Amino acid sequence: MTLPTDNSSIGKRIVELDFPKTAIIAMIKRNGNFLTPKGATVLEPLDTLIVLSENEEGIDLVHESLNLNNNKT
């Protein structure tokens, strides 16, 4: 999932997101580098989040928490 530059999650720490308990951000690709995220990691424009979830519903909830409802990538 890539965060658009105007996404409301930009500038927030991961711990501040209303992320479902059934999903995790396993890795973030930023500027060609891969980061292991922590709760204090601040999301930046065009970050690509590698998300793992127990089920499809979890992915749907992730899209909602990141305000990506119309962009299931």
Protein backbone atom coordinates (compact mmCIF):
# COMPACT_ATOMS: atom_id res chain seq x y z
CA MET A 1 0.00 0.00 0.00
CA THR A 2 1.52 3.29 -1.06
CA LEU A 3 0.53 6.44 0.81
CA PRO A 4 -0.44 9.30 -1.50
CA THR A 5 1.16 12.66 -0.76
CA ASP A 6 -2.15 14.07 0.50
CA ASN A 7 -3.03 11.13 2.77
CA SER A 8 -4.21 12.03 6.27
CA SER A 9 -1.84 9.42 7.79
CA ILE A 10 1.23 11.40 6.68
CA GLY A 11 3.11 12.80 9.67
CA LYS A 12 1.49 10.39 12.13
CA ARG A 13 3.34 7.80 14.15
CA ILE A 14 2.24 4.20 13.59
CA VAL A 15 1.06 4.00 17.19
CA GLU A 16 -1.35 6.89 16.47
CA LEU A 17 -3.15 5.00 13.71
CA ASP A 18 -6.36 3.15 14.41
CA PHE A 19 -4.75 -0.02 13.07
CA PRO A 20 -6.61 -3.33 13.47
CA LYS A 21 -5.17 -5.81 15.96
CA THR A 22 -5.23 -8.51 13.25
CA ALA A 23 -2.72 -6.70 11.02
CA ILE A 24 0.82 -5.36 11.23
CA ILE A 25 3.08 -3.17 9.14
CA ALA A 26 5.93 -5.59 8.55
CA MET A 27 8.13 -3.25 6.54
CA ILE A 28 8.17 0.20 4.96
CA LYS A 29 9.84 0.97 1.65
CA ARG A 30 10.98 4.59 1.66
CA ASN A 31 13.19 6.24 -0.95
CA GLY A 32 14.42 2.85 -2.17
CA ASN A 33 15.32 1.65 1.32
CA PHE A 34 13.49 -0.83 3.55
CA LEU A 35 12.77 0.08 7.16
CA THR A 36 11.56 -2.08 10.01
CA PRO A 37 8.79 0.03 11.51
CA LYS A 38 8.25 0.63 15.19
CA GLY A 39 5.37 2.36 16.95
CA ALA A 40 7.24 5.68 16.87
CA THR A 41 7.92 5.49 13.11
CA VAL A 42 6.39 8.53 11.38
CA LEU A 43 4.72 7.89 8.02
CA GLU A 44 5.95 9.95 5.08
CA PRO A 45 4.49 10.72 1.65
CA LEU A 46 4.86 7.85 -0.84
CA ASP A 47 5.85 5.32 1.83
CA THR A 48 5.00 1.82 0.64
CA LEU A 49 3.72 -0.26 3.53
CA ILE A 50 4.09 -4.04 3.48
CA VAL A 51 1.14 -5.16 5.60
CA LEU A 52 0.38 -8.63 6.93
CA SER A 53 -3.08 -9.56 8.09
CA GLU A 54 -4.81 -12.65 9.44
CA ASN A 55 -7.63 -12.26 6.93
CA GLU A 56 -9.15 -10.09 4.19
CA GLU A 57 -11.29 -8.22 6.70
CA GLY A 58 -8.09 -7.07 8.39
CA ILE A 59 -6.82 -5.64 5.11
CA ASP A 60 -10.11 -3.80 4.64
CA LEU A 61 -9.73 -2.33 8.14
CA VAL A 62 -6.16 -1.29 7.33
CA HIS A 63 -7.42 0.58 4.26
CA GLU A 64 -9.96 2.34 6.47
CA SER A 65 -7.41 3.27 9.14
CA LEU A 66 -5.07 4.69 6.48
CA ASN A 67 -7.91 6.39 4.58
CA LEU A 68 -7.15 4.32 1.48
CA ASN A 69 -10.72 3.06 0.96
CA ASN A 70 -10.71 3.89 -2.74
CA ASN A 71 -7.15 2.69 -3.35
CA LYS A 72 -6.72 -1.02 -2.61
CA THR A 73 -3.09 -1.43 -3.65
